[in-house]
Amino acid sequence: MADIDPVQLAQAMIRCPSVTPQDAGTLAVLEAVLKPLGFRCERLRFETPGTAAIDNLYARLGDTAPNFCFAGHTDVVPPGDVKLWRSDPFAAEIRNGTLYGRGAADMKSAIACFVAAVQRHLAKGKLKGSISLLITGDEEGIAINGTRAVLEWMKDKGERIDHCLVGEPTSTARSGDTIKIGRRGSMRVTFIARGTQGHTAYPQNARNPIPALAMLVSRLAAEKLDSGTEHFEPSTLVFTTFDVGNPASNVSPAEARTSCNIRFNDLHTPESLLQRIEKVAAEVAKEWGGEIAVQSGVSGVAFVTKPGAFTDLLRHALTRATNNNPEFSTTGGTSDARFIKNVCPVAEIGLPGGSMHKVDECVPVEEIHRLTDIYTTILESYFAHPPA
């Protein structure tokens, strides 16, 4: 087959408006280039009660170990007001050497780079192991019927991966300047203060929850969770909402609620944080004389792939490909690496992510070619000397 142009392949995928949970033909575009390379493609559709059905793809070339897996997602966030874009967000236009479109940075271009890199690697000789791709359509959504479900399917099938590279846009200025070796945990906590509604002219006959909740917010916002660790920045607790829903100016409400998001490092677990927060809420509730309920949800726990054979291989490969020494990082939000880390060592290398989720999301064409070179070098290094 003809040489795969990563820019053209990225354009073809961007032109599929695969806003979560829609596939919109993106996986078919991928299969059309993977099958001629010899990949066995498994289209996997998962649906759980109360959730949308999600299309995923697991493709593998080869039957022997080691199995090097590339993971990514083809779903994208909505474009927002398309009138604010300088061109159709799904037209995949190139202007002045830059590719524009929803998914250009996050992360269809990275998938295209990896596929092109695989073709280059195969052209140099027989594959000494296996290469696989785990591509989901649920990374930007609730992440139930995507990577997590595919990994369960793989476990049931006895399908093993030895090391994984995720193509999220983790770089800062240039592709490959950063290797993401871990992620902070993320949890959302909601506090509901319940008092007694009353007339503002007679506050003694009511129990206003607003001052109590304000006190709670002040105390928690002032809490220093930690000072950071060897691989992580200090944990953060940020309040995101304070809601009363009271349209009357002469009535104090019976209920008020507030929510915060906590990004935490490996000093904490969701359980230890929740215990600490509930203690503060109980103290405030006792002082106030009312009830403060606490609800929580966890998106992921903190993890780190500690520097070793795999991360050293990646860093040396990036230095060879770019003549620069990349830095290890654990900053940013969550990714599907939080599921993959339970299966094998995982790291993330991708494009610069400054425009992701924004209007006029874009990536310089030069960076797409640079990332293709990086992935090609990683494959060469990995199969020449697979890490233990």
Protein backbone atom coordinates (compact mmCIF):
# COMPACT_ATOMS: atom_id res chain seq x y z
CA MET A 1 0.00 0.00 0.00
CA ALA A 2 1.03 3.62 -0.47
CA ASP A 3 2.83 5.42 2.31
CA ILE A 4 0.46 6.67 4.99
CA ASP A 5 0.46 10.45 5.28
CA PRO A 6 -0.33 11.20 8.94
CA VAL A 7 -1.70 14.64 8.08
CA GLN A 8 -4.12 13.29 5.50
CA LEU A 9 -5.19 10.49 7.85
CA ALA A 10 -5.77 13.00 10.63
CA GLN A 11 -7.87 15.11 8.27
CA ALA A 12 -9.98 12.10 7.30
CA MET A 13 -10.73 11.33 10.95
CA ILE A 14 -11.42 14.96 11.90
CA ARG A 15 -14.00 15.12 9.11
CA CYS A 16 -15.98 12.51 11.04
CA PRO A 17 -17.93 14.53 13.66
CA SER A 18 -17.47 11.98 16.43
CA VAL A 19 -18.74 13.97 19.38
CA THR A 20 -19.18 11.58 22.31
CA PRO A 21 -20.91 9.09 22.06
CA GLN A 22 -21.06 9.17 18.25
CA ASP A 23 -18.48 7.31 16.16
CA ALA A 24 -19.56 9.01 12.90
CA GLY A 25 -17.38 6.69 10.81
CA THR A 26 -14.03 7.43 12.47
CA LEU A 27 -13.25 3.81 13.34
CA ALA A 28 -14.03 2.74 9.78
CA VAL A 29 -11.41 5.22 8.56
CA LEU A 30 -8.89 3.63 10.93
CA GLU A 31 -9.77 0.08 9.98
CA ALA A 32 -9.32 0.94 6.31
CA VAL A 33 -5.62 1.69 6.89
CA LEU A 34 -4.93 -0.88 9.61
CA LYS A 35 -6.22 -3.97 7.80
CA PRO A 36 -3.88 -3.60 4.80
CA LEU A 37 -0.99 -3.44 7.28
CA GLY A 38 -2.04 -6.87 8.60
CA PHE A 39 -3.93 -5.87 11.74
CA ARG A 40 -6.77 -8.01 13.03
CA CYS A 41 -9.48 -5.55 13.93
CA GLU A 42 -12.12 -6.19 16.58
CA ARG A 43 -14.96 -3.70 16.66
CA LEU A 44 -16.31 -3.70 20.21
CA ARG A 45 -19.61 -2.10 21.16
CA PHE A 46 -20.51 -1.80 24.82
CA GLU A 47 -23.63 -0.50 26.48
CA THR A 48 -24.66 -0.54 30.13
CA PRO A 49 -28.07 0.38 31.54
CA GLY A 50 -28.67 4.10 31.52
CA THR A 51 -25.68 4.87 29.29
CA ALA A 52 -25.16 5.35 25.57
CA ALA A 53 -23.70 2.55 23.47
CA ILE A 54 -20.04 3.15 22.60
CA ASP A 55 -18.05 1.83 19.66
CA ASN A 56 -14.42 0.88 20.34
CA LEU A 57 -11.64 -0.76 18.36
CA TYR A 58 -8.95 -3.21 19.37
CA ALA A 59 -6.50 -4.02 16.59
CA ARG A 60 -3.48 -6.28 16.85
CA LEU A 61 -0.62 -7.16 14.54
CA GLY A 62 1.35 -10.24 15.54
CA ASP A 63 0.78 -13.08 18.02
CA THR A 64 3.91 -13.10 20.13
CA ALA A 65 5.23 -11.09 23.06
CA PRO A 66 6.04 -8.38 23.75
CA ASN A 67 2.81 -6.61 22.83
CA PHE A 68 3.33 -2.84 22.59
CA CYS A 69 -0.03 -1.09 22.76
CA PHE A 70 -0.96 2.40 21.66
CA ALA A 71 -4.10 3.76 23.34
CA GLY A 72 -6.19 6.71 22.33
CA HIS A 73 -9.66 8.02 21.67
CA THR A 74 -11.54 9.17 18.60
CA ASP A 75 -14.40 10.88 20.42
CA VAL A 76 -14.23 14.64 20.77
CA VAL A 77 -15.94 17.32 22.84
CA PRO A 78 -18.67 19.44 21.17
CA PRO A 79 -17.37 22.36 19.10
CA GLY A 80 -19.54 24.91 20.90
CA ASP A 81 -20.75 27.90 18.90
CA VAL A 82 -19.52 27.08 15.39
CA LYS A 83 -19.90 30.76 14.44
CA LEU A 84 -16.87 31.48 16.61
CA TRP A 85 -14.69 29.16 14.53
CA ARG A 86 -12.80 30.61 11.59
CA SER A 87 -13.73 27.51 9.59
CA ASP A 88 -16.05 24.54 10.02
CA PRO A 89 -14.71 22.59 13.05
CA PHE A 90 -15.04 19.36 11.08
CA ALA A 91 -13.65 20.59 7.76
CA ALA A 92 -10.03 19.83 8.78
CA GLU A 93 -8.64 22.82 6.90
CA ILE A 94 -4.94 23.58 6.73
CA ARG A 95 -4.09 27.28 6.88
CA ASN A 96 -0.56 28.65 6.99
CA GLY A 97 0.88 25.27 7.88
CA THR A 98 -1.59 24.56 10.70
CA LEU A 99 -4.34 21.93 10.76
CA TYR A 100 -7.59 23.20 12.29
CA GLY A 101 -10.50 21.11 13.56
CA ARG A 102 -12.09 19.50 16.59
CA GLY A 103 -9.80 16.62 17.48
CA ALA A 104 -6.73 18.01 15.74
CA ALA A 105 -4.84 18.24 19.04
CA ASP A 106 -7.02 15.96 21.21
CA MET A 107 -6.26 13.46 19.78
CA LYS A 108 -6.99 12.19 16.28
CA SER A 109 -3.71 13.51 14.90
CA ALA A 110 -1.72 11.43 17.41
CA ILE A 111 -3.55 8.28 16.30
CA ALA A 112 -2.67 9.10 12.70
CA CYS A 113 0.97 9.62 13.70
CA PHE A 114 1.14 6.23 15.37
CA VAL A 115 -0.36 4.40 12.40
CA ALA A 116 2.11 6.08 10.05
CA ALA A 117 4.95 5.18 12.43
CA VAL A 118 3.86 1.53 12.46
CA GLN A 119 4.00 1.40 8.67
CA ARG A 120 7.51 2.86 8.71
CA HIS A 121 8.62 0.32 11.31
CA LEU A 122 7.20 -2.61 9.37
CA ALA A 123 9.02 -1.48 6.24
CA LYS A 124 12.35 -2.05 8.01
CA GLY A 125 11.90 -5.76 8.64
CA LYS A 126 9.96 -8.48 10.41
CA LEU A 127 8.11 -7.45 13.55
CA LYS A 128 9.69 -8.96 16.68
CA GLY A 129 6.56 -9.19 18.78
CA SER A 130 3.17 -7.52 18.47
CA ILE A 131 1.74 -4.04 18.07
CA SER A 132 -1.79 -3.23 19.12
CA LEU A 133 -4.11 -0.26 19.24
CA LEU A 134 -6.81 0.26 21.84
CA ILE A 135 -9.03 3.03 20.51
CA THR A 136 -12.12 4.15 22.40
CA GLY A 137 -15.05 6.45 21.75
CA ASP A 138 -15.77 7.19 25.42
CA GLU A 139 -12.77 9.06 26.79
CA GLU A 140 -14.46 12.47 26.74
CA GLY A 141 -17.64 10.99 28.21
CA ILE A 142 -18.36 9.01 31.35
CA ALA A 143 -15.64 6.45 30.50
CA ILE A 144 -17.70 3.38 31.36
CA ASN A 145 -18.17 1.72 27.98
CA GLY A 146 -14.76 2.62 26.58
CA THR A 147 -11.25 1.68 27.65
CA ARG A 148 -12.39 0.19 30.94
CA ALA A 149 -14.81 -2.15 29.14
CA VAL A 150 -12.26 -3.05 26.45
CA LEU A 151 -9.73 -4.02 29.11
CA GLU A 152 -12.28 -6.31 30.72
CA TRP A 153 -12.96 -7.88 27.31
CA MET A 154 -9.22 -8.36 26.80
CA LYS A 155 -8.90 -10.01 30.20
CA ASP A 156 -11.70 -12.44 29.36
CA LYS A 157 -10.02 -13.24 26.03
CA GLY A 158 -6.59 -13.73 27.58
CA GLU A 159 -5.29 -10.80 25.55
CA ARG A 160 -2.20 -9.33 27.23
CA ILE A 161 -0.37 -6.07 26.63
CA ASP A 162 3.12 -5.59 28.04
CA HIS A 163 3.58 -1.83 27.79
CA CYS A 164 1.30 0.97 26.71
CA LEU A 165 1.75 4.44 25.26
CA VAL A 166 -1.21 6.84 25.37
CA GLY A 167 -1.29 9.58 22.74
CA GLU A 168 -2.95 12.33 24.76
CA PRO A 169 -1.75 15.90 23.98
CA THR A 170 0.65 16.01 26.92
CA SER A 171 3.43 18.15 25.42
CA THR A 172 3.89 21.82 26.22
CA ALA A 173 5.67 23.70 23.43
CA ARG A 174 6.89 20.94 21.08
CA SER A 175 5.87 17.34 20.59
CA GLY A 176 7.88 15.11 22.88
CA ASP A 177 9.06 17.74 25.34
CA THR A 178 7.10 15.98 28.09
CA ILE A 179 6.51 12.38 29.12
CA LYS A 180 3.49 11.98 31.32
CA ILE A 181 4.34 9.20 33.77
CA GLY A 182 1.33 9.55 36.05
CA ARG A 183 -1.81 11.46 36.82
CA ARG A 184 -3.30 13.04 39.89
CA GLY A 185 -6.47 11.58 41.30
CA SER A 186 -9.71 13.49 40.87
CA MET A 187 -12.84 13.54 42.98
CA ARG A 188 -15.90 15.76 43.28
CA VAL A 189 -17.49 16.49 46.64
CA THR A 190 -20.89 18.11 47.17
CA PHE A 191 -22.05 19.54 50.50
CA ILE A 192 -25.77 20.03 51.23
CA ALA A 193 -26.67 22.16 54.24
CA ARG A 194 -30.28 21.74 55.38
CA GLY A 195 -31.85 24.26 57.73
CA THR A 196 -35.27 25.83 58.20
CA GLN A 197 -36.82 28.31 55.79
CA GLY A 198 -38.02 31.58 57.27
CA HIS A 199 -38.93 35.22 56.80
CA THR A 200 -35.88 37.50 56.72
CA ALA A 201 -37.64 39.86 59.16
CA TYR A 202 -37.64 37.09 61.76
CA PRO A 203 -34.27 35.31 61.38
CA GLN A 204 -34.59 33.95 64.93
CA ASN A 205 -37.41 31.71 63.69
CA ALA A 206 -35.34 30.19 60.90
CA ARG A 207 -32.06 28.28 60.50
CA ASN A 208 -30.29 29.81 57.50
CA PRO A 209 -27.88 27.33 55.85
CA ILE A 210 -25.97 29.96 53.87
CA PRO A 211 -23.67 31.24 56.66
CA ALA A 212 -22.89 27.67 57.71
CA LEU A 213 -21.99 26.66 54.18
CA ALA A 214 -19.92 29.82 53.74
CA MET A 215 -18.03 28.90 56.92
CA LEU A 216 -17.40 25.41 55.56
CA VAL A 217 -16.15 26.77 52.24
CA SER A 218 -13.77 29.16 54.01
CA ARG A 219 -12.31 26.44 56.22
CA LEU A 220 -11.80 23.89 53.46
CA ALA A 221 -10.46 26.45 50.99
CA ALA A 222 -7.83 27.40 53.56
CA GLU A 223 -6.79 23.77 54.14
CA LYS A 224 -3.33 22.83 52.90
CA LEU A 225 -3.70 19.24 51.84
CA ASP A 226 0.03 18.59 51.44
CA SER A 227 3.29 20.02 50.09
CA GLY A 228 3.66 17.68 47.13
CA THR A 229 5.72 14.52 46.63
CA GLU A 230 8.70 13.39 44.57
CA HIS A 231 6.61 13.03 41.42
CA PHE A 232 3.56 15.20 42.17
CA GLU A 233 2.69 18.82 42.81
CA PRO A 234 0.71 19.70 45.96
CA SER A 235 -2.90 18.51 45.96
CA THR A 236 -5.59 21.13 45.37
CA LEU A 237 -9.16 21.65 46.52
CA VAL A 238 -11.14 24.11 44.37
CA PHE A 239 -14.78 25.09 44.91
CA THR A 240 -16.79 25.16 41.69
CA THR A 241 -20.39 25.97 42.70
CA PHE A 242 -22.44 27.60 45.46
CA ASP A 243 -26.16 27.19 44.82
CA VAL A 244 -29.25 28.26 46.73
CA GLY A 245 -31.93 28.52 44.07
CA ASN A 246 -33.85 31.12 46.02
CA PRO A 247 -35.72 33.74 43.90
CA ALA A 248 -37.23 35.55 46.92
CA SER A 249 -35.40 38.45 48.55
CA ASN A 250 -37.31 38.23 51.85
CA VAL A 251 -36.99 34.51 52.51
CA SER A 252 -33.99 32.66 53.86
CA PRO A 253 -33.75 29.23 52.20
CA ALA A 254 -34.08 25.82 53.76
CA GLU A 255 -31.23 24.34 51.77
CA ALA A 256 -27.95 25.40 50.15
CA ARG A 257 -25.28 23.37 48.43
CA THR A 258 -21.74 23.76 47.21
CA SER A 259 -19.32 21.54 45.31
CA CYS A 260 -15.58 21.28 45.01
CA ASN A 261 -13.11 19.35 42.89
CA ILE A 262 -10.01 17.82 44.47
CA ARG A 263 -6.93 16.90 42.43
CA PHE A 264 -4.79 14.78 44.71
CA ASN A 265 -1.40 13.14 44.65
CA ASP A 266 -0.21 9.76 45.88
CA LEU A 267 -0.24 10.82 49.54
CA HIS A 268 -4.01 10.43 49.53
CA THR A 269 -6.79 8.05 48.68
CA PRO A 270 -10.40 9.09 48.05
CA GLU A 271 -11.28 7.46 51.37
CA SER A 272 -8.68 9.36 53.39
CA LEU A 273 -9.71 12.68 51.81
CA LEU A 274 -13.39 12.04 52.36
CA GLN A 275 -12.77 11.20 56.02
CA ARG A 276 -10.88 14.46 56.46
CA ILE A 277 -13.58 16.50 54.73
CA GLU A 278 -16.44 14.86 56.60
CA LYS A 279 -14.74 15.74 59.89
CA VAL A 280 -14.66 19.45 58.98
CA ALA A 281 -18.29 19.32 57.79
CA ALA A 282 -19.37 17.69 61.05
CA GLU A 283 -17.58 20.35 63.10
CA VAL A 284 -19.28 23.17 61.17
CA ALA A 285 -22.68 21.47 61.38
CA LYS A 286 -22.30 21.12 65.16
CA GLU A 287 -21.42 24.82 65.55
CA TRP A 288 -24.34 25.82 63.33
CA GLY A 289 -26.88 23.46 64.79
CA GLY A 290 -28.06 21.97 61.52
CA GLU A 291 -27.28 19.17 59.11
CA ILE A 292 -24.61 19.10 56.39
CA ALA A 293 -24.70 16.06 54.12
CA VAL A 294 -21.62 15.07 52.09
CA GLN A 295 -21.76 13.32 48.71
CA SER A 296 -18.75 12.32 46.62
CA GLY A 297 -17.72 10.76 43.34
CA VAL A 298 -14.28 9.61 42.16
CA SER A 299 -13.00 9.96 38.59
CA GLY A 300 -9.64 8.37 39.23
CA VAL A 301 -6.95 7.75 41.83
CA ALA A 302 -3.39 9.06 41.72
CA PHE A 303 -0.81 6.80 40.11
CA VAL A 304 2.73 6.99 38.81
CA THR A 305 4.78 4.77 36.54
CA LYS A 306 8.01 5.08 38.46
CA PRO A 307 11.13 5.81 36.42
CA GLY A 308 12.69 2.57 35.26
CA ALA A 309 13.40 0.53 32.15
CA PHE A 310 10.26 1.60 30.26
CA THR A 311 10.44 5.30 31.03
CA ASP A 312 14.19 5.31 30.35
CA LEU A 313 13.56 3.76 26.94
CA LEU A 314 11.00 6.42 26.12
CA ARG A 315 13.24 9.28 27.25
CA HIS A 316 16.24 8.02 25.31
CA ALA A 317 14.08 7.52 22.20
CA LEU A 318 12.71 11.06 22.45
CA THR A 319 16.21 12.46 22.88
CA ARG A 320 17.32 10.62 19.75
CA ALA A 321 14.32 11.82 17.76
CA THR A 322 14.28 15.45 18.91
CA ASN A 323 17.78 16.22 20.23
CA ASN A 324 16.10 17.43 23.40
CA ASN A 325 15.81 15.88 26.85
CA PRO A 326 12.11 15.54 27.78
CA GLU A 327 10.84 16.07 31.30
CA PHE A 328 8.71 13.70 33.32
CA SER A 329 5.36 15.11 34.45
CA THR A 330 2.24 14.13 36.38
CA THR A 331 0.29 17.37 35.90
CA GLY A 332 -3.03 17.85 34.13
CA GLY A 333 -6.40 16.18 34.33
CA THR A 334 -7.37 12.54 34.07
CA SER A 335 -6.95 10.23 31.09
CA ASP A 336 -7.63 6.60 30.26
CA ALA A 337 -4.14 5.79 31.54
CA ARG A 338 -5.86 5.57 34.94
CA PHE A 339 -7.44 2.30 33.77
CA ILE A 340 -4.47 0.95 31.81
CA LYS A 341 -2.05 1.33 34.75
CA ASN A 342 -3.81 -1.66 36.36
CA VAL A 343 -2.74 -3.84 33.44
CA CYS A 344 0.79 -2.77 32.49
CA PRO A 345 3.30 0.10 32.70
CA VAL A 346 1.88 3.12 30.88
CA ALA A 347 3.10 6.56 29.84
CA GLU A 348 1.73 9.36 27.69
CA ILE A 349 3.40 11.22 24.83
CA GLY A 350 1.53 13.38 22.36
CA LEU A 351 1.16 16.74 20.69
CA PRO A 352 1.18 20.16 22.37
CA GLY A 353 -2.20 20.54 24.05
CA GLY A 354 -2.66 24.28 24.32
CA SER A 355 -5.65 24.41 21.96
CA MET A 356 -7.53 21.29 23.05
CA HIS A 357 -11.23 21.77 23.81
CA LYS A 358 -10.99 25.37 22.55
CA VAL A 359 -12.50 27.20 19.59
CA ASP A 360 -10.16 26.85 16.58
CA GLU A 361 -8.46 23.77 18.03
CA CYS A 362 -5.37 23.25 15.92
CA VAL A 363 -1.91 21.75 15.57
CA PRO A 364 0.98 22.78 13.31
CA VAL A 365 1.54 20.27 10.51
CA GLU A 366 5.21 20.29 11.47
CA GLU A 367 4.29 18.90 14.90
CA ILE A 368 2.35 16.03 13.33
CA HIS A 369 5.44 14.99 11.36
CA ARG A 370 7.61 15.47 14.44
CA LEU A 371 5.38 13.19 16.52
CA THR A 372 5.41 10.57 13.75
CA ASP A 373 9.22 10.57 13.90
CA ILE A 374 9.04 10.23 17.69
CA TYR A 375 6.67 7.26 17.57
CA THR A 376 8.82 5.61 14.87
CA THR A 377 11.91 5.92 17.05
CA ILE A 378 10.06 4.57 20.08
CA LEU A 379 8.97 1.48 18.14
CA GLU A 380 12.51 0.90 16.89
CA SER A 381 13.94 1.22 20.40
CA TYR A 382 11.24 -0.91 22.01
CA PHE A 383 11.55 -3.90 19.70
CA ALA A 384 15.35 -3.69 19.60
CA HIS A 385 15.57 -3.93 23.40
CA PRO A 386 12.18 -4.61 25.03
CA PRO A 387 12.15 -3.46 28.66
CA ALA A 388 11.76 -6.19 31.26
